Structure formats: structure tokens, C-alpha cells
Amino acid sequence: MVSCKPFYQSKATECYPIVKDVSTQIDLDEIKPSHSMVPVPVPVNVPVPMCMYQAPMPVPLLVPVPVPVPVFIPTTKKTYDRVHRRIKKLRKKLPSDPYEFEILLYAEKLAREEGIAGFEDSSDGESDTELNTKQNQDSDDQLQLIQESDSSFKWTIGVKVFNSWLSKKIEDLNFGPKIPNDLLKLKNEELNLLLAEFLNDVRKPNGEAYAPESIYYITLGIQHYMQEKGRVENLFLDSCLFDNFQESLNEIAMRYKIRIDADGQVASRIEEEILWEAKQLGAYSPFVLLNTILYFNTKYFFLDKCDAHKKLSFANVKKHAKRNIGPNGEDYGKTIFLRYYPDFHGMEQVIYEQGENYDNPLRCPVELYNFYISKCPESVKNRNDVFYLLPEKTSLPSSPVWFSSQSISDKMLDRMLNRIKMVKEVNELLLAAAPSTAPLIVQ
């Protein structure tokens, strides 16, 4: 047996790379491409959320636009000239004083009355001599350009009576050219003295004396005429200008006594509507507003004495709200009242009230009282010793405060109250409340 043993032998081969640095150079012009690459945008549809046509979209809408169209109204040259003259006069009557804003109502009234038959302007085309001659004619001619409305206030009566008295007075005393025979041309000083004398001298055509309320009616007509013609002085409330006249009128008013006619009604020519038309009630000026507050307190609080009015204060006159409930429980809203809580003795307290005027807010006691409070200084609104405040002399309608912190004098309060006590509606309520001074009793 032969034994063989294999022979193993390993052989390895090893090689190393030979690294050499060799510099090379190429020509760039030879490798520059012959064409440029231009980017071309390609639209890609990407799904996004949409409103599915439920978003608001604009739609066409027809909007009417007013287009002025000239309308030719046939007229005569005479009518055109008359309207043109009246427009010129209205422009001259525009107030320069802020307190004269109520005169604009007069201009509006004249414009509406332009079509009244027989309404002629007698001042055009006349010389000064002709105008002076017309001024000395009867008082009916002097009031030719002013027409009374359909109201019960015939204010031209007072103007006619005064003009007739003034003409006779000038003729008797031979004043000459010193005092004009025209109510509107009289200065305040002259008007003050002449009106005071007029109240003492005026008589009926049969020689009898006028009743106190008739004298007041005549002077209200004079005041209304002055305001209609552009004079803003207040004969009844401007004490600094017309003190003599106011004192003479107050002496006459103190003689007034309530008269009852055959039907048991109060007989008086002074009605509340006349005071509104004569602009003695309202908010035309601080004095008129104060007179209005005094009037409502006299009428509804049954205060016919100065001492009773002096007990009023901002502390005992408060606003009170009442809920209006129907018979079946319906809620009709609330009503605002002004309540006066006077001093009382015993177990019952007397409460006086002034209610709202829904029909005419401009004549509403509550609204006018709110306006009065808004024009008073903040320092007096909680005081218990003042109520009727003296108006500021320098106040304007746009001023935030119309009144000072000082009360009006007893003399002024007495004069205003005596005139108010001649009003028919006030006397009717005072007589109705005479048996019982408590219109509302609260246990």
C-alpha cells in the first residue's frame, strides 16, 4: 500500500497603483453646447377645496334715482314780482341773534300764506313821503301785510287799540317828530313808558274800563305783533327794559277775580293756547322756559301763592314711572310723571302729579322739565332750597347752562304768577280742586 500526502502551497500576488500628477488643459469653446435651455411652465392641476356655489355672489339691483324735472307753472308777471319782493323781505328778516330762531317760523308762515287773496305789498314803488302818510292812517292799514290765522287769538285787536291811543296821545300833546307814530320804531325806553301810561289810560269806546284779563289780552297782541315783525324783546319777562310796564300790568292783574258765566264755566279771554301762540310758553328763551315751568306747577300742583311756589325745590320734585297694565294684564309700557311731595302733617301725605303729553311732546310738562334741568348748574340739582333759577344774561341757545345758581326775586315771581292766574284752564283746575286740596292720597 502506497500512502500519498498532498502538498499545499499558497501564492499571493500584490500590486500597488502608481500615482502621478499630470497637468491637463481643455478648450471650453469646444465643449460649449450649441443650444440654450429655456424653462417652459407646465400647468399642473392640483385639487383644492371649493365653496360648492354657496358663497354670496353679487347680483344686479335696480336703484331708483330721483331726477329733477322742471315743471313750468303758468303765472302772471304781477304774481312773479310779488313773490320776488316777498323773498327779498324774508331774507332781511333772518335773525342775527341766536335767540331769534323762532322768527324763522314766521318766515315759513308768510311763505305759506303767499296765495292769500288781496295780499298786496303796498311798500313797493312808493316814496318816503307816501310811506309816512300811510303810517298815520287807521291801524287797519298798518296791519295790511299781516294776516291773522284761523286761531282764536285775534292779536291785531291789541295793536289797533294801542296805535289808536298812540296817535291820539301824540296829537293831544303835540310831541312832533320826537316820538314816531309807529309801534315798531319806538325805542325800548319810550315803549316802556308809553305802555305803562297806555295801561292806565285805555278805555273801551263807550268809556268803560277794560277787565284785567282783557288788558292782558291786548298786551299779548302787542307782544305777538312785535315778534312777528322781528323785534325779540319780551315785554313781560325783560324786567330790565320794561319794568314800568310790568309793574303797571301787575297792579291790574292783582285786581283780577274769577268770573263764572251762566253755564257755570270760567269766563276769561286768556286761554292756554293763546300763551303758546304768543310764545309766552315753550323753550324759546331761558325766561320763557322758566315761565312755562311756573305755569305747569301752578296748573297741576295747585300752587296759587308765591309762598307755596317758594317751597318747591329740586329735592321734593322727582320723576316717577308707572307701568300701564291693561284689564287683561296687557303691558302698555310706562308713563313718566313729575311728583311733588310737599310738607304734610298727619298720617296722610298729599302728592301732586304732572303727566306726560303724548300728543304734543313740545308741550309736555315732563319733557320741558327735563330740558330745564339740563340747563341748570350741576351744583343746584340736589338742593332743597331753590327751584326757580335766574337766567344768565350772557347765555346762548347753544350754551350748556342757561341759568345761574341764584333764585329769581319775589317780585319777579309775583308778577309771573299774577299773570298765570288769569288763564282760564288754570282757574278751572283750581276751582275743581278747591273742595279737596289732595288730588292723590297715599296712605
Protein backbone atom coordinates (compact mmCIF):
# COMPACT_ATOMS: atom_id res chain seq x y z
CA MET A 1 0.00 0.00 0.00
CA VAL A 2 1.33 3.22 -1.04
CA SER A 3 0.43 6.34 1.06
CA CYS A 4 0.39 9.80 -0.60
CA LYS A 5 0.17 13.13 1.21
CA PRO A 6 -0.97 16.20 -0.78
CA PHE A 7 1.30 19.16 -0.82
CA TYR A 8 -0.30 22.60 -0.26
CA GLN A 9 1.32 25.81 -1.35
CA SER A 10 -0.16 29.37 -1.26
CA LYS A 11 0.90 32.06 -3.68
CA ALA A 12 -0.04 35.67 -3.35
CA THR A 13 0.19 38.45 -5.82
CA GLU A 14 0.46 42.07 -4.59
CA CYS A 15 0.28 45.17 -6.75
CA TYR A 16 0.39 48.87 -5.93
CA PRO A 17 -1.11 51.66 -8.08
CA ILE A 18 1.34 54.15 -9.34
CA VAL A 19 0.02 57.67 -8.72
CA LYS A 20 1.32 60.50 -10.80
CA ASP A 21 0.34 64.18 -11.14
CA VAL A 22 -0.11 65.23 -14.73
CA SER A 23 -1.33 68.73 -15.85
CA THR A 24 -4.06 68.82 -18.48
CA GLN A 25 -5.77 71.62 -20.44
CA ILE A 26 -9.03 71.73 -22.38
CA ASP A 27 -10.67 74.28 -24.67
CA LEU A 28 -14.05 75.49 -23.29
CA ASP A 29 -15.27 76.63 -26.67
CA GLU A 30 -15.13 73.13 -27.91
CA ILE A 31 -17.39 71.77 -25.13
CA LYS A 32 -19.94 74.73 -25.18
CA PRO A 33 -23.42 73.41 -26.10
CA SER A 34 -24.88 74.69 -29.29
CA HIS A 35 -28.38 75.23 -27.77
CA SER A 36 -29.70 77.06 -24.62
CA MET A 37 -32.14 75.61 -22.18
CA VAL A 38 -35.45 77.54 -21.89
CA PRO A 39 -37.76 76.77 -18.91
CA VAL A 40 -41.29 76.08 -20.03
CA PRO A 41 -44.08 76.27 -17.35
CA VAL A 42 -46.34 73.31 -17.42
CA PRO A 43 -49.83 73.64 -15.74
CA VAL A 44 -50.46 71.14 -13.06
CA ASN A 45 -54.00 70.51 -11.83
CA VAL A 46 -53.96 70.41 -8.04
CA PRO A 47 -57.33 69.73 -6.33
CA VAL A 48 -58.33 72.42 -3.76
CA PRO A 49 -61.50 72.85 -1.53
CA MET A 50 -64.36 74.79 -3.14
CA CYS A 51 -67.48 76.66 -1.84
CA MET A 52 -69.80 74.48 -3.89
CA TYR A 53 -71.60 77.65 -5.09
CA GLN A 54 -72.99 78.56 -1.64
CA ALA A 55 -70.98 81.75 -1.13
CA PRO A 56 -72.69 85.16 -1.59
CA MET A 57 -72.49 86.39 -5.12
CA PRO A 58 -73.19 89.87 -6.49
CA VAL A 59 -76.46 90.26 -8.30
CA PRO A 60 -77.81 93.23 -10.22
CA LEU A 61 -80.15 95.52 -8.24
CA LEU A 62 -82.33 98.31 -9.55
CA VAL A 63 -81.98 101.53 -7.53
CA PRO A 64 -84.37 104.41 -8.33
CA VAL A 65 -82.55 107.69 -8.72
CA PRO A 66 -84.60 110.90 -8.50
CA VAL A 67 -84.10 113.10 -11.48
CA PRO A 68 -85.26 116.72 -11.18
CA VAL A 69 -87.61 117.61 -13.97
CA PRO A 70 -88.50 121.26 -14.47
CA VAL A 71 -92.20 121.99 -14.32
CA PHE A 72 -93.45 125.21 -15.80
CA ILE A 73 -96.34 126.73 -13.88
CA PRO A 74 -98.19 129.43 -15.76
CA THR A 75 -98.35 132.70 -13.85
CA THR A 76 -98.56 136.39 -14.41
CA LYS A 77 -95.82 138.96 -14.15
CA LYS A 78 -97.61 140.60 -11.24
CA THR A 79 -97.60 137.39 -9.22
CA TYR A 80 -93.94 136.78 -10.01
CA ASP A 81 -92.97 140.29 -8.89
CA ARG A 82 -94.93 139.89 -5.68
CA VAL A 83 -93.23 136.59 -4.84
CA HIS A 84 -89.83 138.06 -5.69
CA ARG A 85 -90.39 141.03 -3.39
CA ARG A 86 -91.54 138.74 -0.60
CA ILE A 87 -88.40 136.60 -0.89
CA LYS A 88 -86.25 139.70 -0.52
CA LYS A 89 -88.15 140.70 2.61
CA LEU A 90 -87.82 137.23 4.09
CA ARG A 91 -84.06 137.33 3.60
CA LYS A 92 -83.89 140.59 5.51
CA LYS A 93 -85.82 139.02 8.37
CA LEU A 94 -83.27 136.28 9.01
CA PRO A 95 -82.24 136.61 12.67
CA SER A 96 -78.76 137.66 13.67
CA ASP A 97 -79.31 136.88 17.35
CA PRO A 98 -79.39 133.14 18.18
CA TYR A 99 -82.44 133.74 20.36
CA GLU A 100 -84.39 134.81 17.29
CA PHE A 101 -84.67 131.32 15.84
CA GLU A 102 -88.42 131.33 16.40
CA ILE A 103 -88.71 134.15 13.86
CA LEU A 104 -87.94 131.57 11.19
CA LEU A 105 -91.36 130.11 11.90
CA TYR A 106 -92.82 133.44 10.92
CA ALA A 107 -90.95 133.40 7.62
CA GLU A 108 -92.29 129.94 6.94
CA LYS A 109 -95.78 131.11 7.73
CA LEU A 110 -95.51 134.04 5.34
CA ALA A 111 -94.33 131.76 2.57
CA ARG A 112 -97.39 129.54 3.01
CA GLU A 113 -99.74 132.49 3.07
CA GLU A 114 -98.40 133.93 -0.15
CA GLY A 115 -101.53 132.91 -2.04
CA ILE A 116 -104.00 134.78 0.18
CA ALA A 117 -106.39 136.87 -1.88
CA GLY A 118 -105.86 140.60 -1.56
CA PHE A 119 -102.34 140.17 -0.15
CA GLU A 120 -100.51 143.11 -1.68
CA ASP A 121 -97.21 144.74 -0.88
CA SER A 122 -98.02 148.41 -0.57
CA SER A 123 -94.44 149.50 0.13
CA ASP A 124 -93.03 148.93 -3.39
CA GLY A 125 -92.87 151.84 -5.78
CA GLU A 126 -93.76 154.42 -3.12
CA SER A 127 -91.73 157.39 -2.00
CA ASP A 128 -90.80 158.11 1.61
CA THR A 129 -93.46 160.81 1.79
CA GLU A 130 -96.16 158.37 0.73
CA LEU A 131 -94.98 155.84 3.28
CA ASN A 132 -95.03 158.38 6.09
CA THR A 133 -98.54 159.36 5.08
CA LYS A 134 -99.66 155.73 5.23
CA GLN A 135 -98.20 155.33 8.72
CA ASN A 136 -100.60 157.98 10.04
CA GLN A 137 -103.68 156.28 8.64
CA ASP A 138 -106.04 153.99 10.50
CA SER A 139 -104.49 150.98 12.26
CA ASP A 140 -106.26 148.63 9.82
CA ASP A 141 -103.97 149.87 7.05
CA GLN A 142 -100.90 149.46 9.27
CA LEU A 143 -101.69 145.75 9.66
CA GLN A 144 -102.47 145.16 5.98
CA LEU A 145 -99.41 142.94 5.38
CA ILE A 146 -100.02 140.72 8.41
CA GLN A 147 -102.89 138.28 8.32
CA GLU A 148 -104.39 136.58 11.34
CA SER A 149 -104.60 132.83 11.30
CA ASP A 150 -107.74 130.85 11.95
CA SER A 151 -106.91 130.59 15.65
CA SER A 152 -108.95 132.23 18.39
CA PHE A 153 -106.11 134.62 19.19
CA LYS A 154 -107.04 137.86 17.41
CA TRP A 155 -103.83 139.64 18.28
CA THR A 156 -104.41 142.55 15.88
CA ILE A 157 -107.01 143.89 18.30
CA GLY A 158 -104.31 144.87 20.77
CA VAL A 159 -102.21 146.52 18.08
CA LYS A 160 -105.15 148.53 16.78
CA VAL A 161 -106.10 149.72 20.26
CA PHE A 162 -102.54 150.81 21.06
CA ASN A 163 -101.98 152.52 17.69
CA SER A 164 -105.23 154.43 18.08
CA TRP A 165 -104.26 155.53 21.58
CA LEU A 166 -100.73 156.47 20.47
CA SER A 167 -101.97 158.60 17.58
CA LYS A 168 -104.38 160.47 19.83
CA LYS A 169 -101.72 160.90 22.50
CA ILE A 170 -99.22 162.40 20.07
CA GLU A 171 -101.87 164.69 18.65
CA ASP A 172 -103.03 165.90 22.07
CA LEU A 173 -99.56 166.51 23.49
CA ASN A 174 -98.09 167.77 20.24
CA PHE A 175 -94.95 165.65 20.53
CA GLY A 176 -93.98 166.41 16.97
CA PRO A 177 -91.25 164.35 15.37
CA LYS A 178 -89.65 163.35 18.69
CA ILE A 179 -91.76 160.22 19.11
CA PRO A 180 -92.66 158.27 15.97
CA ASN A 181 -96.24 157.26 15.38
CA ASP A 182 -95.18 153.67 14.85
CA LEU A 183 -95.03 150.93 17.44
CA LEU A 184 -92.07 149.23 15.80
CA LYS A 185 -89.95 152.40 15.65
CA LEU A 186 -90.28 153.19 19.35
CA LYS A 187 -87.15 152.69 21.42
CA ASN A 188 -87.30 150.40 24.42
CA GLU A 189 -87.25 153.30 26.87
CA GLU A 190 -90.08 155.05 25.04
CA LEU A 191 -92.06 151.85 24.66
CA ASN A 192 -91.72 151.09 28.37
CA LEU A 193 -93.10 154.46 29.48
CA LEU A 194 -95.80 154.67 26.81
CA LEU A 195 -97.11 151.16 27.51
CA ALA A 196 -97.27 151.89 31.23
CA GLU A 197 -99.27 155.04 30.53
CA PHE A 198 -101.39 153.20 27.97
CA LEU A 199 -102.49 150.62 30.56
CA ASN A 200 -103.71 153.38 32.86
CA ASP A 201 -105.50 155.40 30.16
CA VAL A 202 -107.01 152.84 27.80
CA ARG A 203 -110.78 152.59 27.82
CA LYS A 204 -113.49 150.98 25.76
CA PRO A 205 -115.19 153.07 23.06
CA ASN A 206 -118.08 153.66 25.47
CA GLY A 207 -115.71 154.93 28.15
CA GLU A 208 -115.81 151.87 30.40
CA ALA A 209 -112.64 150.31 31.77
CA TYR A 210 -111.38 147.03 30.36
CA ALA A 211 -111.38 143.92 32.54
CA PRO A 212 -107.91 142.86 33.77
CA GLU A 213 -107.84 139.80 31.52
CA SER A 214 -108.80 141.99 28.53
CA ILE A 215 -105.86 144.30 29.26
CA TYR A 216 -103.58 141.26 29.35
CA TYR A 217 -105.09 140.07 26.05
CA ILE A 218 -104.34 143.43 24.43
CA THR A 219 -100.72 143.43 25.59
CA LEU A 220 -100.27 139.85 24.38
CA GLY A 221 -101.35 141.03 20.95
CA ILE A 222 -98.77 143.82 21.04
CA GLN A 223 -96.06 141.35 22.06
CA HIS A 224 -97.03 138.94 19.29
CA TYR A 225 -97.00 141.71 16.69
CA MET A 226 -93.51 142.83 17.73
CA GLN A 227 -92.17 139.29 17.43
CA GLU A 228 -93.80 138.83 14.04
CA LYS A 229 -92.08 141.97 12.81
CA GLY A 230 -88.63 140.95 14.03
CA ARG A 231 -88.33 142.56 17.48
CA VAL A 232 -87.33 139.93 20.03
CA GLU A 233 -87.81 141.91 23.23
CA ASN A 234 -90.17 140.28 25.70
CA LEU A 235 -92.47 142.85 27.29
CA PHE A 236 -93.48 140.52 30.12
CA LEU A 237 -90.14 138.97 31.09
CA ASP A 238 -87.40 141.52 30.33
CA SER A 239 -87.56 143.36 33.64
CA CYS A 240 -84.52 145.46 32.94
CA LEU A 241 -86.14 147.01 29.85
CA PHE A 242 -89.84 147.15 30.70
CA ASP A 243 -90.05 147.43 34.48
CA ASN A 244 -92.60 150.28 34.45
CA PHE A 245 -94.87 148.42 32.07
CA GLN A 246 -94.64 145.19 34.06
CA GLU A 247 -95.41 146.97 37.31
CA SER A 248 -98.49 148.67 35.82
CA LEU A 249 -99.69 145.37 34.37
CA ASN A 250 -99.13 143.61 37.68
CA GLU A 251 -101.27 146.16 39.51
CA ILE A 252 -104.06 145.46 37.03
CA ALA A 253 -103.59 141.68 37.28
CA MET A 254 -103.90 141.83 41.06
CA ARG A 255 -107.46 143.13 40.62
CA TYR A 256 -108.49 140.07 38.64
CA LYS A 257 -111.30 137.95 40.04
CA ILE A 258 -112.63 134.71 38.62
CA ARG A 259 -115.89 135.21 36.75
CA ILE A 260 -118.42 132.42 36.17
CA ASP A 261 -120.82 132.62 33.24
CA ALA A 262 -124.44 131.45 33.11
CA ASP A 263 -123.34 127.91 32.18
CA GLY A 264 -121.14 127.65 35.23
CA GLN A 265 -117.92 127.94 33.22
CA VAL A 266 -114.97 130.22 33.90
CA ALA A 267 -115.26 133.34 31.74
CA SER A 268 -111.82 134.55 30.64
CA ARG A 269 -110.35 135.59 27.31
CA ILE A 270 -106.91 134.30 28.30
CA GLU A 271 -106.65 130.67 27.29
CA GLU A 272 -103.59 128.45 27.37
CA GLU A 273 -103.48 128.15 23.58
CA ILE A 274 -103.10 131.93 23.33
CA LEU A 275 -99.97 131.83 25.50
CA TRP A 276 -98.47 129.15 23.25
CA GLU A 277 -99.23 131.20 20.15
CA ALA A 278 -97.82 134.36 21.73
CA LYS A 279 -94.62 132.42 22.58
CA GLN A 280 -95.01 133.02 26.30
CA LEU A 281 -94.91 129.25 26.84
CA GLY A 282 -92.29 126.93 25.42
CA ALA A 283 -88.49 126.87 25.28
CA TYR A 284 -87.81 129.88 23.06
CA SER A 285 -85.57 131.54 25.65
CA PRO A 286 -84.50 130.99 29.28
CA PHE A 287 -87.17 133.39 30.58
CA VAL A 288 -89.94 131.75 28.54
CA LEU A 289 -88.84 128.30 29.70
CA LEU A 290 -88.88 129.48 33.32
CA ASN A 291 -92.35 130.95 32.83
CA THR A 292 -93.52 127.62 31.38
CA ILE A 293 -92.26 125.64 34.37
CA LEU A 294 -94.03 128.07 36.69
CA TYR A 295 -97.22 127.76 34.65
CA PHE A 296 -97.31 123.95 34.80
CA ASN A 297 -96.57 123.94 38.53
CA THR A 298 -99.40 126.39 39.14
CA LYS A 299 -101.81 124.39 37.00
CA TYR A 300 -101.05 120.83 38.10
CA PHE A 301 -99.57 121.29 41.57
CA PHE A 302 -102.39 123.71 42.52
CA LEU A 303 -99.96 126.36 43.75
CA ASP A 304 -101.63 129.77 43.55
CA LYS A 305 -99.49 131.57 46.14
CA CYS A 306 -95.89 132.75 45.97
CA ASP A 307 -95.14 131.18 49.34
CA ALA A 308 -96.31 127.79 48.03
CA HIS A 309 -94.04 128.06 44.98
CA LYS A 310 -91.07 129.02 47.17
CA LYS A 311 -91.41 125.67 48.93
CA LEU A 312 -90.59 123.84 45.70
CA SER A 313 -87.07 122.51 45.33
CA PHE A 314 -85.14 120.04 43.24
CA ALA A 315 -85.25 117.67 46.21
CA ASN A 316 -89.05 117.42 46.53
CA VAL A 317 -89.90 117.38 42.79
CA LYS A 318 -88.96 113.99 41.35
CA LYS A 319 -89.72 111.90 38.29
CA HIS A 320 -91.77 108.77 38.84
CA ALA A 321 -92.58 105.93 36.44
CA LYS A 322 -95.84 103.99 36.35
CA ARG A 323 -96.39 100.74 34.48
CA ASN A 324 -99.56 100.75 32.35
CA ILE A 325 -101.32 97.39 32.71
CA GLY A 326 -104.49 96.61 30.75
CA PRO A 327 -107.61 94.88 32.12
CA ASN A 328 -106.35 91.52 30.89
CA GLY A 329 -102.79 92.02 32.02
CA GLU A 330 -101.51 93.65 28.83
CA ASP A 331 -98.36 95.68 29.26
CA TYR A 332 -98.70 99.08 27.57
CA GLY A 333 -95.34 100.41 28.66
CA LYS A 334 -94.70 103.00 31.33
CA THR A 335 -95.66 106.62 31.87
CA ILE A 336 -93.38 109.20 33.45
CA PHE A 337 -94.82 111.63 35.99
CA LEU A 338 -93.46 114.61 37.86
CA ARG A 339 -94.31 114.28 41.53
CA TYR A 340 -94.26 116.98 44.16
CA TYR A 341 -94.03 115.91 47.80
CA PRO A 342 -94.96 118.90 49.97
CA ASP A 343 -94.66 119.06 53.73
CA PHE A 344 -97.52 117.25 55.43
CA HIS A 345 -98.90 116.81 58.91
CA GLY A 346 -100.67 113.65 60.00
CA MET A 347 -100.86 110.13 58.63
CA GLU A 348 -101.63 111.02 55.02
CA GLN A 349 -99.32 112.71 52.55
CA VAL A 350 -100.54 114.81 49.65
CA ILE A 351 -98.84 114.10 46.33
CA TYR A 352 -99.29 116.23 43.21
CA GLU A 353 -98.51 114.92 39.74
CA GLN A 354 -97.85 116.16 36.22
CA GLY A 355 -98.23 113.61 33.45
CA GLU A 356 -96.70 113.29 30.00
CA ASN A 357 -98.26 114.82 26.91
CA TYR A 358 -98.01 112.13 24.22
CA ASP A 359 -99.94 114.12 21.63
CA ASN A 360 -97.54 117.06 21.61
CA PRO A 361 -94.07 116.45 23.11
CA LEU A 362 -93.17 120.13 22.61
CA ARG A 363 -95.83 120.97 25.20
CA CYS A 364 -95.10 118.07 27.53
CA PRO A 365 -94.50 119.13 31.16
CA VAL A 366 -92.10 116.24 31.74
CA GLU A 367 -90.01 116.93 28.62
CA LEU A 368 -89.81 120.66 29.35
CA TYR A 369 -88.81 119.94 32.94
CA ASN A 370 -86.06 117.60 31.71
CA PHE A 371 -84.86 120.37 29.41
CA TYR A 372 -84.96 122.86 32.29
CA ILE A 373 -82.91 120.52 34.48
CA SER A 374 -80.35 120.02 31.70
CA LYS A 375 -79.78 123.78 31.50
CA CYS A 376 -79.29 124.21 35.27
CA PRO A 377 -75.90 124.05 37.02
CA GLU A 378 -74.93 120.69 38.46
CA SER A 379 -74.40 122.24 41.89
CA VAL A 380 -78.11 123.00 42.40
CA LYS A 381 -79.76 119.82 41.13
CA ASN A 382 -79.90 118.24 44.58
CA ARG A 383 -80.54 121.33 46.67
CA ASN A 384 -83.66 121.61 48.78
CA ASP A 385 -83.90 125.41 48.91
CA VAL A 386 -84.09 126.54 45.25
CA PHE A 387 -86.17 125.72 42.20
CA TYR A 388 -86.82 128.79 40.02
CA LEU A 389 -83.38 129.96 38.93
CA LEU A 390 -82.45 133.34 37.48
CA PRO A 391 -81.40 133.12 33.80
CA GLU A 392 -77.87 134.05 32.85
CA LYS A 393 -77.64 137.29 30.88
CA THR A 394 -74.88 136.00 28.60
CA SER A 395 -76.35 132.58 27.84
CA LEU A 396 -76.89 131.43 24.25
CA PRO A 397 -79.12 128.64 22.92
CA SER A 398 -76.03 126.52 22.37
CA SER A 399 -74.75 127.16 25.91
CA PRO A 400 -74.80 124.10 28.17
CA VAL A 401 -76.08 126.23 31.08
CA TRP A 402 -78.85 128.79 30.81
CA PHE A 403 -79.45 129.52 34.48
CA SER A 404 -77.40 130.68 37.41
CA SER A 405 -77.48 129.18 40.90
CA GLN A 406 -79.43 132.19 42.20
CA SER A 407 -83.21 132.14 42.67
CA ILE A 408 -85.43 134.69 40.99
CA SER A 409 -86.66 137.57 43.12
CA ASP A 410 -90.01 137.50 44.90
CA LYS A 411 -91.05 140.50 42.82
CA MET A 412 -90.50 138.66 39.54
CA LEU A 413 -92.20 135.52 40.86
CA ASP A 414 -95.24 137.52 41.98
CA ARG A 415 -95.61 139.24 38.60
CA MET A 416 -95.38 136.00 36.65
CA LEU A 417 -97.84 134.23 38.95
CA ASN A 418 -100.44 137.01 38.80
CA ARG A 419 -100.50 136.79 35.00
CA ILE A 420 -100.78 132.99 35.10
CA LYS A 421 -103.76 133.17 37.46
CA MET A 422 -105.78 134.92 34.72
CA VAL A 423 -105.62 131.85 32.45
CA LYS A 424 -108.92 130.03 32.03
CA GLU A 425 -107.57 126.46 32.29
CA VAL A 426 -105.67 127.26 35.48
CA ASN A 427 -108.76 128.69 37.17
CA GLU A 428 -110.87 125.70 36.13
CA LEU A 429 -108.48 123.27 37.81
CA LEU A 430 -108.06 125.45 40.88
CA LEU A 431 -111.83 125.66 41.31
CA ALA A 432 -112.21 121.91 40.79
CA ALA A 433 -109.59 121.19 43.45
CA ALA A 434 -110.93 123.76 45.92
CA PRO A 435 -113.08 121.28 47.91
CA SER A 436 -110.10 118.94 48.29
CA THR A 437 -106.53 120.05 48.05
CA ALA A 438 -105.30 116.48 47.67
CA PRO A 439 -105.72 115.12 44.10
CA LEU A 440 -103.95 111.92 45.09
CA ILE A 441 -103.85 110.39 48.58
CA VAL A 442 -101.21 107.83 49.53
CA GLN A 443 -101.86 106.00 52.79
